[in-house]
PDB file of all heavy atoms in Angstrom:
ATOM      1  N   LEU A   1       0.226  13.086   4.149  1.00  0.00           N
ATOM      2  CA  LEU A   1      -0.649  12.944   5.315  1.00  0.00           C
ATOM      3  C   LEU A   1      -0.260  11.730   6.160  1.00  0.00           C
ATOM      4  O   LEU A   1      -0.201  11.810   7.395  1.00  0.00           O
ATOM      5  CB  LEU A   1      -2.107  12.801   4.862  1.00  0.00           C
ATOM      6  CG  LEU A   1      -2.798  14.058   4.337  1.00  0.00           C
ATOM      7  CD1 LEU A   1      -4.177  13.708   3.782  1.00  0.00           C
ATOM      8  CD2 LEU A   1      -2.919  15.104   5.430  1.00  0.00           C
ATOM      9  N   ILE A   2      -0.014  10.599   5.503  1.00  0.00           N
ATOM     10  CA  ILE A   2       0.336   9.380   6.241  1.00  0.00           C
ATOM     11  C   ILE A   2       1.710   9.526   6.889  1.00  0.00           C
ATOM     12  O   ILE A   2       1.913   9.147   8.048  1.00  0.00           O
ATOM     13  CB  ILE A   2       0.299   8.152   5.308  1.00  0.00           C
ATOM     14  CG1 ILE A   2      -1.109   7.976   4.722  1.00  0.00           C
ATOM     15  CG2 ILE A   2       0.692   6.881   6.074  1.00  0.00           C
ATOM     16  CD1 ILE A   2      -1.197   6.920   3.618  1.00  0.00           C
ATOM     17  N   ALA A   3       2.664  10.097   6.152  1.00  0.00           N
ATOM     18  CA  ALA A   3       4.023  10.267   6.678  1.00  0.00           C
ATOM     19  C   ALA A   3       4.052  11.220   7.872  1.00  0.00           C
ATOM     20  O   ALA A   3       4.898  11.079   8.771  1.00  0.00           O
ATOM     21  CB  ALA A   3       4.942  10.791   5.572  1.00  0.00           C
ATOM     22  N   ALA A   4       3.129  12.172   7.911  1.00  0.00           N
ATOM     23  CA  ALA A   4       3.110  13.164   8.995  1.00  0.00           C
ATOM     24  C   ALA A   4       2.639  12.577  10.317  1.00  0.00           C
ATOM     25  O   ALA A   4       2.919  13.141  11.385  1.00  0.00           O
ATOM     26  CB  ALA A   4       2.223  14.345   8.598  1.00  0.00           C
ATOM     27  N   ASP A   5       1.911  11.466  10.276  1.00  0.00           N
ATOM     28  CA  ASP A   5       1.409  10.826  11.497  1.00  0.00           C
ATOM     29  C   ASP A   5       2.473   9.866  12.013  1.00  0.00           C
ATOM     30  O   ASP A   5       2.630   8.754  11.508  1.00  0.00           O
ATOM     31  CB  ASP A   5       0.106  10.085  11.216  1.00  0.00           C
ATOM     32  CG  ASP A   5      -0.586   9.607  12.490  1.00  0.00           C
ATOM     33  OD1 ASP A   5       0.114   9.409  13.512  1.00  0.00           O
ATOM     34  OD2 ASP A   5      -1.814   9.418  12.464  1.00  0.00           O
ATOM     35  N   LYS A   6       3.199  10.274  13.042  1.00  0.00           N
ATOM     36  CA  LYS A   6       4.314   9.482  13.552  1.00  0.00           C
ATOM     37  C   LYS A   6       3.862   8.253  14.349  1.00  0.00           C
ATOM     38  O   LYS A   6       4.686   7.416  14.720  1.00  0.00           O
ATOM     39  CB  LYS A   6       5.222  10.359  14.433  1.00  0.00           C
ATOM     40  CG  LYS A   6       5.833  11.543  13.675  1.00  0.00           C
ATOM     41  CD  LYS A   6       6.532  11.093  12.388  1.00  0.00           C
ATOM     42  CE  LYS A   6       7.080  12.277  11.594  1.00  0.00           C
ATOM     43  NZ  LYS A   6       7.661  11.852  10.291  1.00  0.00           N
ATOM     44  N   SER A   7       2.556   8.146  14.606  1.00  0.00           N
ATOM     45  CA  SER A   7       2.053   6.944  15.275  1.00  0.00           C
ATOM     46  C   SER A   7       1.973   5.761  14.301  1.00  0.00           C
ATOM     47  O   SER A   7       1.854   4.612  14.719  1.00  0.00           O
ATOM     48  CB  SER A   7       0.658   7.200  15.867  1.00  0.00           C
ATOM     49  OG  SER A   7      -0.326   7.334  14.835  1.00  0.00           O
ATOM     50  N   LEU A   8       2.055   6.065  13.004  1.00  0.00           N
ATOM     51  CA  LEU A   8       2.003   5.029  11.985  1.00  0.00           C
ATOM     52  C   LEU A   8       3.413   4.639  11.548  1.00  0.00           C
ATOM     53  O   LEU A   8       4.280   5.497  11.393  1.00  0.00           O
ATOM     54  CB  LEU A   8       1.209   5.519  10.765  1.00  0.00           C
ATOM     55  CG  LEU A   8      -0.280   5.782  10.977  1.00  0.00           C
ATOM     56  CD1 LEU A   8      -0.879   6.446   9.736  1.00  0.00           C
ATOM     57  CD2 LEU A   8      -1.032   4.498  11.306  1.00  0.00           C
ATOM     58  N   ASN A   9       3.612   3.361  11.319  1.00  0.00           N
ATOM     59  CA  ASN A   9       4.888   2.850  10.822  1.00  0.00           C
ATOM     60  C   ASN A   9       4.843   2.847   9.298  1.00  0.00           C
ATOM     61  O   ASN A   9       4.696   1.813   8.652  1.00  0.00           O
ATOM     62  CB  ASN A   9       5.125   1.441  11.371  1.00  0.00           C
ATOM     63  CG  ASN A   9       6.470   0.867  10.955  1.00  0.00           C
ATOM     64  OD1 ASN A   9       7.347   1.591  10.483  1.00  0.00           O
ATOM     65  ND2 ASN A   9       6.629  -0.433  11.114  1.00  0.00           N
ATOM     66  N   PHE A  10       4.964   4.056   8.730  1.00  0.00           N
ATOM     67  CA  PHE A  10       4.820   4.231   7.285  1.00  0.00           C
ATOM     68  C   PHE A  10       6.145   3.928   6.583  1.00  0.00           C
ATOM     69  O   PHE A  10       7.176   4.535   6.888  1.00  0.00           O
ATOM     70  CB  PHE A  10       4.378   5.669   6.991  1.00  0.00           C
ATOM     71  CG  PHE A  10       4.099   5.953   5.543  1.00  0.00           C
ATOM     72  CD1 PHE A  10       3.314   5.101   4.775  1.00  0.00           C
ATOM     73  CD2 PHE A  10       4.622   7.094   4.931  1.00  0.00           C
ATOM     74  CE1 PHE A  10       3.051   5.367   3.444  1.00  0.00           C
ATOM     75  CE2 PHE A  10       4.355   7.384   3.599  1.00  0.00           C
ATOM     76  CZ  PHE A  10       3.576   6.505   2.855  1.00  0.00           C
ATOM     77  N   VAL A  11       6.088   2.998   5.625  1.00  0.00           N
ATOM     78  CA  VAL A  11       7.311   2.604   4.902  1.00  0.00           C
ATOM     79  C   VAL A  11       7.376   3.228   3.509  1.00  0.00           C
ATOM     80  O   VAL A  11       8.285   2.932   2.733  1.00  0.00           O
ATOM     81  CB  VAL A  11       7.417   1.065   4.798  1.00  0.00           C
ATOM     82  CG1 VAL A  11       7.555   0.440   6.178  1.00  0.00           C
ATOM     83  CG2 VAL A  11       6.216   0.467   4.049  1.00  0.00           C
ATOM     84  N   GLY A  12       6.406   4.085   3.180  1.00  0.00           N
ATOM     85  CA  GLY A  12       6.433   4.782   1.903  1.00  0.00           C
ATOM     86  C   GLY A  12       5.638   4.101   0.805  1.00  0.00           C
ATOM     87  O   GLY A  12       4.766   3.259   1.069  1.00  0.00           O
ATOM     88  N   ASN A  13       5.943   4.440  -0.424  1.00  0.00           N
ATOM     89  CA  ASN A  13       5.240   3.886  -1.581  1.00  0.00           C
ATOM     90  C   ASN A  13       5.667   2.438  -1.844  1.00  0.00           C
ATOM     91  O   ASN A  13       6.833   2.075  -1.648  1.00  0.00           O
ATOM     92  CB  ASN A  13       5.544   4.718  -2.833  1.00  0.00           C
ATOM     93  CG  ASN A  13       4.892   6.088  -2.784  1.00  0.00           C
ATOM     94  OD1 ASN A  13       3.792   6.239  -2.269  1.00  0.00           O
ATOM     95  ND2 ASN A  13       5.573   7.092  -3.325  1.00  0.00           N
ATOM     96  N   VAL A  14       4.716   1.629  -2.301  1.00  0.00           N
ATOM     97  CA  VAL A  14       5.017   0.265  -2.742  1.00  0.00           C
ATOM     98  C   VAL A  14       4.402   0.087  -4.130  1.00  0.00           C
ATOM     99  O   VAL A  14       3.395   0.710  -4.461  1.00  0.00           O
ATOM    100  CB  VAL A  14       4.470  -0.805  -1.770  1.00  0.00           C
ATOM    101  CG1 VAL A  14       5.117  -0.667  -0.411  1.00  0.00           C
ATOM    102  CG2 VAL A  14       2.951  -0.711  -1.644  1.00  0.00           C
ATOM    103  N   GLU A  15       5.030  -0.768  -4.924  1.00  0.00           N
ATOM    104  CA  GLU A  15       4.544  -1.014  -6.278  1.00  0.00           C
ATOM    105  C   GLU A  15       3.772  -2.329  -6.346  1.00  0.00           C
ATOM    106  O   GLU A  15       4.062  -3.269  -5.599  1.00  0.00           O
ATOM    107  CB  GLU A  15       5.710  -1.044  -7.260  1.00  0.00           C
ATOM    108  CG  GLU A  15       6.410   0.292  -7.408  1.00  0.00           C
ATOM    109  CD  GLU A  15       7.530   0.240  -8.435  1.00  0.00           C
ATOM    110  OE1 GLU A  15       8.590  -0.329  -8.128  1.00  0.00           O
ATOM    111  OE2 GLU A  15       7.331   0.775  -9.544  1.00  0.00           O
ATOM    112  N   ALA A  16       2.837  -2.400  -7.286  1.00  0.00           N
ATOM    113  CA  ALA A  16       2.007  -3.596  -7.437  1.00  0.00           C
ATOM    114  C   ALA A  16       2.845  -4.831  -7.753  1.00  0.00           C
ATOM    115  O   ALA A  16       2.533  -5.942  -7.309  1.00  0.00           O
ATOM    116  CB  ALA A  16       0.967  -3.379  -8.536  1.00  0.00           C
ATOM    117  N   SER A  17       3.933  -4.648  -8.491  1.00  0.00           N
ATOM    118  CA  SER A  17       4.788  -5.769  -8.879  1.00  0.00           C
ATOM    119  C   SER A  17       5.501  -6.404  -7.693  1.00  0.00           C
ATOM    120  O   SER A  17       6.007  -7.517  -7.774  1.00  0.00           O
ATOM    121  CB  SER A  17       5.828  -5.313  -9.903  1.00  0.00           C
ATOM    122  OG  SER A  17       6.646  -4.280  -9.350  1.00  0.00           O
ATOM    123  N   ASN A  18       5.517  -5.694  -6.548  1.00  0.00           N
ATOM    124  CA  ASN A  18       6.260  -6.165  -5.377  1.00  0.00           C
ATOM    125  C   ASN A  18       5.358  -6.600  -4.227  1.00  0.00           C
ATOM    126  O   ASN A  18       5.851  -6.968  -3.155  1.00  0.00           O
ATOM    127  CB  ASN A  18       7.201  -5.051  -4.899  1.00  0.00           C
ATOM    128  CG  ASN A  18       8.252  -5.544  -3.945  1.00  0.00           C
ATOM    129  OD1 ASN A  18       8.790  -6.638  -4.110  1.00  0.00           O
ATOM    130  ND2 ASN A  18       8.550  -4.755  -2.922  1.00  0.00           N
ATOM    131  N   LEU A  19       4.033  -6.579  -4.419  1.00  0.00           N
ATOM    132  CA  LEU A  19       3.108  -6.844  -3.315  1.00  0.00           C
ATOM    133  C   LEU A  19       3.315  -8.214  -2.683  1.00  0.00           C
ATOM    134  O   LEU A  19       3.286  -8.365  -1.456  1.00  0.00           O
ATOM    135  CB  LEU A  19       1.654  -6.708  -3.796  1.00  0.00           C
ATOM    136  CG  LEU A  19       1.170  -5.291  -4.114  1.00  0.00           C
ATOM    137  CD1 LEU A  19      -0.281  -5.313  -4.579  1.00  0.00           C
ATOM    138  CD2 LEU A  19       1.311  -4.392  -2.894  1.00  0.00           C
ATOM    139  N   PHE A  20       3.509  -9.246  -3.503  1.00  0.00           N
ATOM    140  CA  PHE A  20       3.670 -10.600  -2.973  1.00  0.00           C
ATOM    141  C   PHE A  20       4.957 -10.781  -2.179  1.00  0.00           C
ATOM    142  O   PHE A  20       5.107 -11.747  -1.438  1.00  0.00           O
ATOM    143  CB  PHE A  20       3.645 -11.625  -4.106  1.00  0.00           C
ATOM    144  CG  PHE A  20       2.266 -11.933  -4.615  1.00  0.00           C
ATOM    145  CD1 PHE A  20       2.081 -12.378  -5.920  1.00  0.00           C
ATOM    146  CD2 PHE A  20       1.152 -11.783  -3.806  1.00  0.00           C
ATOM    147  CE1 PHE A  20       0.813 -12.668  -6.402  1.00  0.00           C
ATOM    148  CE2 PHE A  20      -0.120 -12.068  -4.268  1.00  0.00           C
ATOM    149  CZ  PHE A  20      -0.292 -12.512  -5.569  1.00  0.00           C
ATOM    150  N   ASN A  21       5.897  -9.856  -2.335  1.00  0.00           N
ATOM    151  CA  ASN A  21       7.165  -9.948  -1.612  1.00  0.00           C
ATOM    152  C   ASN A  21       7.082  -9.370  -0.206  1.00  0.00           C
ATOM    153  O   ASN A  21       8.082  -9.320   0.513  1.00  0.00           O
ATOM    154  CB  ASN A  21       8.278  -9.251  -2.399  1.00  0.00           C
ATOM    155  CG  ASN A  21       8.606  -9.988  -3.687  1.00  0.00           C
ATOM    156  OD1 ASN A  21       8.578 -11.213  -3.729  1.00  0.00           O
ATOM    157  ND2 ASN A  21       8.895  -9.237  -4.743  1.00  0.00           N
ATOM    158  N   GLY A  22       5.895  -8.916   0.163  1.00  0.00           N
ATOM    159  CA  GLY A  22       5.682  -8.457   1.528  1.00  0.00           C
ATOM    160  C   GLY A  22       6.340  -7.157   1.918  1.00  0.00           C
ATOM    161  O   GLY A  22       6.933  -7.057   2.999  1.00  0.00           O
ATOM    162  N   PRO A  23       6.250  -6.100   1.094  1.00  0.00           N
ATOM    163  CA  PRO A  23       6.877  -4.823   1.467  1.00  0.00           C
ATOM    164  C   PRO A  23       6.154  -4.108   2.606  1.00  0.00           C
ATOM    165  O   PRO A  23       6.711  -3.219   3.239  1.00  0.00           O
ATOM    166  CB  PRO A  23       6.794  -4.006   0.175  1.00  0.00           C
ATOM    167  CG  PRO A  23       5.569  -4.536  -0.513  1.00  0.00           C
ATOM    168  CD  PRO A  23       5.572  -6.020  -0.218  1.00  0.00           C
ATOM    169  N   ALA A  24       4.884  -4.482   2.856  1.00  0.00           N
ATOM    170  CA  ALA A  24       4.099  -3.835   3.914  1.00  0.00           C
ATOM    171  C   ALA A  24       3.074  -4.817   4.466  1.00  0.00           C
ATOM    172  O   ALA A  24       2.675  -5.768   3.802  1.00  0.00           O
ATOM    173  CB  ALA A  24       3.409  -2.585   3.371  1.00  0.00           C
ATOM    174  N   ASP A  25       2.663  -4.571   5.704  1.00  0.00           N
ATOM    175  CA  ASP A  25       1.616  -5.388   6.325  1.00  0.00           C
ATOM    176  C   ASP A  25       0.227  -4.899   5.930  1.00  0.00           C
ATOM    177  O   ASP A  25      -0.731  -5.670   5.876  1.00  0.00           O
ATOM    178  CB  ASP A  25       1.755  -5.344   7.851  1.00  0.00           C
ATOM    179  CG  ASP A  25       3.098  -5.861   8.314  1.00  0.00           C
ATOM    180  OD1 ASP A  25       3.394  -7.039   8.051  1.00  0.00           O
ATOM    181  OD2 ASP A  25       3.858  -5.078   8.916  1.00  0.00           O
ATOM    182  N   VAL A  26       0.120  -3.607   5.658  1.00  0.00           N
ATOM    183  CA  VAL A  26      -1.133  -2.988   5.207  1.00  0.00           C
ATOM    184  C   VAL A  26      -0.818  -2.118   4.000  1.00  0.00           C
ATOM    185  O   VAL A  26       0.047  -1.245   4.084  1.00  0.00           O
ATOM    186  CB  VAL A  26      -1.785  -2.131   6.312  1.00  0.00           C
ATOM    187  CG1 VAL A  26      -3.061  -1.467   5.785  1.00  0.00           C
ATOM    188  CG2 VAL A  26      -2.086  -2.959   7.550  1.00  0.00           C
ATOM    189  N   VAL A  27      -1.485  -2.359   2.895  1.00  0.00           N
ATOM    190  CA  VAL A  27      -1.294  -1.567   1.683  1.00  0.00           C
ATOM    191  C   VAL A  27      -2.529  -0.706   1.473  1.00  0.00           C
ATOM    192  O   VAL A  27      -3.653  -1.218   1.371  1.00  0.00           O
ATOM    193  CB  VAL A  27      -1.058  -2.468   0.453  1.00  0.00           C
ATOM    194  CG1 VAL A  27      -0.971  -1.621  -0.814  1.00  0.00           C
ATOM    195  CG2 VAL A  27       0.214  -3.292   0.635  1.00  0.00           C
ATOM    196  N   VAL A  28      -2.323   0.594   1.420  1.00  0.00           N
ATOM    197  CA  VAL A  28      -3.423   1.562   1.264  1.00  0.00           C
ATOM    198  C   VAL A  28      -3.533   1.974  -0.195  1.00  0.00           C
ATOM    199  O   VAL A  28      -2.525   2.245  -0.857  1.00  0.00           O
ATOM    200  CB  VAL A  28      -3.162   2.796   2.152  1.00  0.00           C
ATOM    201  CG1 VAL A  28      -4.213   3.873   1.898  1.00  0.00           C
ATOM    202  CG2 VAL A  28      -3.140   2.403   3.621  1.00  0.00           C
ATOM    203  N   THR A  29      -4.777   2.039  -0.689  1.00  0.00           N
ATOM    204  CA  THR A  29      -5.004   2.442  -2.072  1.00  0.00           C
ATOM    205  C   THR A  29      -6.422   2.969  -2.236  1.00  0.00           C
ATOM    206  O   THR A  29      -7.280   2.749  -1.372  1.00  0.00           O
ATOM    207  CB  THR A  29      -4.761   1.261  -3.036  1.00  0.00           C
ATOM    208  OG1 THR A  29      -4.976   1.691  -4.386  1.00  0.00           O
ATOM    209  CG2 THR A  29      -5.705   0.109  -2.741  1.00  0.00           C
ATOM    210  N   ASP A  30      -6.666   3.651  -3.338  1.00  0.00           N
ATOM    211  CA  ASP A  30      -8.034   4.086  -3.642  1.00  0.00           C
ATOM    212  C   ASP A  30      -8.829   2.895  -4.149  1.00  0.00           C
ATOM    213  O   ASP A  30      -8.267   1.899  -4.624  1.00  0.00           O
ATOM    214  CB  ASP A  30      -8.023   5.213  -4.674  1.00  0.00           C
ATOM    215  CG  ASP A  30      -7.416   4.770  -5.997  1.00  0.00           C
ATOM    216  OD1 ASP A  30      -6.169   4.751  -6.096  1.00  0.00           O
ATOM    217  OD2 ASP A  30      -8.173   4.434  -6.917  1.00  0.00           O
ATOM    218  N   GLY A  31     -10.168   2.978  -4.059  1.00  0.00           N
ATOM    219  CA  GLY A  31     -11.024   1.844  -4.379  1.00  0.00           C
ATOM    220  C   GLY A  31     -10.925   1.348  -5.806  1.00  0.00           C
ATOM    221  O   GLY A  31     -10.975   0.138  -6.058  1.00  0.00           O
ATOM    222  N   PHE A  32     -10.784   2.267  -6.760  1.00  0.00           N
ATOM    223  CA  PHE A  32     -10.700   1.867  -8.167  1.00  0.00           C
ATOM    224  C   PHE A  32      -9.423   1.074  -8.428  1.00  0.00           C
ATOM    225  O   PHE A  32      -9.446  -0.023  -8.988  1.00  0.00           O
ATOM    226  CB  PHE A  32     -10.755   3.098  -9.071  1.00  0.00           C
ATOM    227  CG  PHE A  32     -10.713   2.775 -10.540  1.00  0.00           C
ATOM    228  CD1 PHE A  32     -11.888   2.500 -11.239  1.00  0.00           C
ATOM    229  CD2 PHE A  32      -9.512   2.727 -11.220  1.00  0.00           C
ATOM    230  CE1 PHE A  32     -11.856   2.185 -12.589  1.00  0.00           C
ATOM    231  CE2 PHE A  32      -9.467   2.410 -12.577  1.00  0.00           C
ATOM    232  CZ  PHE A  32     -10.641   2.136 -13.261  1.00  0.00           C
ATOM    233  N   THR A  33      -8.288   1.631  -7.996  1.00  0.00           N
ATOM    234  CA  THR A  33      -7.007   0.960  -8.197  1.00  0.00           C
ATOM    235  C   THR A  33      -6.945  -0.350  -7.426  1.00  0.00           C
ATOM    236  O   THR A  33      -6.454  -1.363  -7.927  1.00  0.00           O
ATOM    237  CB  THR A  33      -5.850   1.877  -7.749  1.00  0.00           C
ATOM    238  OG1 THR A  33      -5.937   3.116  -8.451  1.00  0.00           O
ATOM    239  CG2 THR A  33      -4.508   1.236  -8.018  1.00  0.00           C
ATOM    240  N   GLY A  34      -7.460  -0.327  -6.196  1.00  0.00           N
ATOM    241  CA  GLY A  34      -7.443  -1.529  -5.364  1.00  0.00           C
ATOM    242  C   GLY A  34      -8.240  -2.664  -5.954  1.00  0.00           C
ATOM    243  O   GLY A  34      -7.811  -3.822  -5.942  1.00  0.00           O
ATOM    244  N   ASN A  35      -9.407  -2.341  -6.511  1.00  0.00           N
ATOM    245  CA  ASN A  35     -10.247  -3.370  -7.116  1.00  0.00           C
ATOM    246  C   ASN A  35      -9.592  -3.964  -8.348  1.00  0.00           C
ATOM    247  O   ASN A  35      -9.583  -5.192  -8.545  1.00  0.00           O
ATOM    248  CB  ASN A  35     -11.619  -2.787  -7.471  1.00  0.00           C
ATOM    249  CG  ASN A  35     -12.597  -3.851  -7.941  1.00  0.00           C
ATOM    250  OD1 ASN A  35     -12.770  -4.067  -9.130  1.00  0.00           O
ATOM    251  ND2 ASN A  35     -13.207  -4.528  -6.993  1.00  0.00           N
ATOM    252  N   ALA A  36      -9.008  -3.100  -9.174  1.00  0.00           N
ATOM    253  CA  ALA A  36      -8.328  -3.574 -10.375  1.00  0.00           C
ATOM    254  C   ALA A  36      -7.120  -4.442 -10.014  1.00  0.00           C
ATOM    255  O   ALA A  36      -6.872  -5.488 -10.632  1.00  0.00           O
ATOM    256  CB  ALA A  36      -7.888  -2.387 -11.224  1.00  0.00           C
ATOM    257  N   THR A  37      -6.379  -4.037  -8.995  1.00  0.00           N
ATOM    258  CA  THR A  37      -5.207  -4.796  -8.548  1.00  0.00           C
ATOM    259  C   THR A  37      -5.615  -6.150  -7.990  1.00  0.00           C
ATOM    260  O   THR A  37      -4.986  -7.174  -8.289  1.00  0.00           O
ATOM    261  CB  THR A  37      -4.428  -4.006  -7.474  1.00  0.00           C
ATOM    262  OG1 THR A  37      -4.044  -2.737  -8.012  1.00  0.00           O
ATOM    263  CG2 THR A  37      -3.199  -4.756  -7.022  1.00  0.00           C
ATOM    264  N   LEU A  38      -6.671  -6.157  -7.165  1.00  0.00           N
ATOM    265  CA  LEU A  38      -7.148  -7.414  -6.572  1.00  0.00           C
ATOM    266  C   LEU A  38      -7.562  -8.412  -7.644  1.00  0.00           C
ATOM    267  O   LEU A  38      -7.197  -9.599  -7.587  1.00  0.00           O
ATOM    268  CB  LEU A  38      -8.331  -7.130  -5.641  1.00  0.00           C
ATOM    269  CG  LEU A  38      -8.977  -8.353  -4.981  1.00  0.00           C
ATOM    270  CD1 LEU A  38      -7.997  -9.049  -4.046  1.00  0.00           C
ATOM    271  CD2 LEU A  38     -10.234  -7.940  -4.216  1.00  0.00           C
ATOM    272  N   LYS A  39      -8.303  -7.944  -8.656  1.00  0.00           N
ATOM    273  CA  LYS A  39      -8.746  -8.839  -9.730  1.00  0.00           C
ATOM    274  C   LYS A  39      -7.574  -9.331 -10.564  1.00  0.00           C
ATOM    275  O   LYS A  39      -7.570 -10.483 -11.019  1.00  0.00           O
ATOM    276  CB  LYS A  39      -9.788  -8.127 -10.598  1.00  0.00           C
ATOM    277  CG  LYS A  39     -11.131  -7.965  -9.880  1.00  0.00           C
ATOM    278  CD  LYS A  39     -12.138  -7.196 -10.708  1.00  0.00           C
ATOM    279  CE  LYS A  39     -13.475  -7.099  -9.964  1.00  0.00           C
ATOM    280  NZ  LYS A  39     -14.460  -6.268 -10.673  1.00  0.00           N
ATOM    281  N   ALA A  40      -6.586  -8.481 -10.750  1.00  0.00           N
ATOM    282  CA  ALA A  40      -5.387  -8.899 -11.482  1.00  0.00           C
ATOM    283  C   ALA A  40      -4.635  -9.978 -10.713  1.00  0.00           C
ATOM    284  O   ALA A  40      -4.157 -10.960 -11.294  1.00  0.00           O
ATOM    285  CB  ALA A  40      -4.479  -7.698 -11.734  1.00  0.00           C
TER     286      ALA A  40
END
């Protein structure tokens, strides 16, 4: 769905281990995973 919207600059999947390295300006996730990742 995200890749199909050409108005978005979608860079694909990113892994939690790489978040601090700045792979994306906005990281999209579901609420459960996002909350667990944030607390970690």
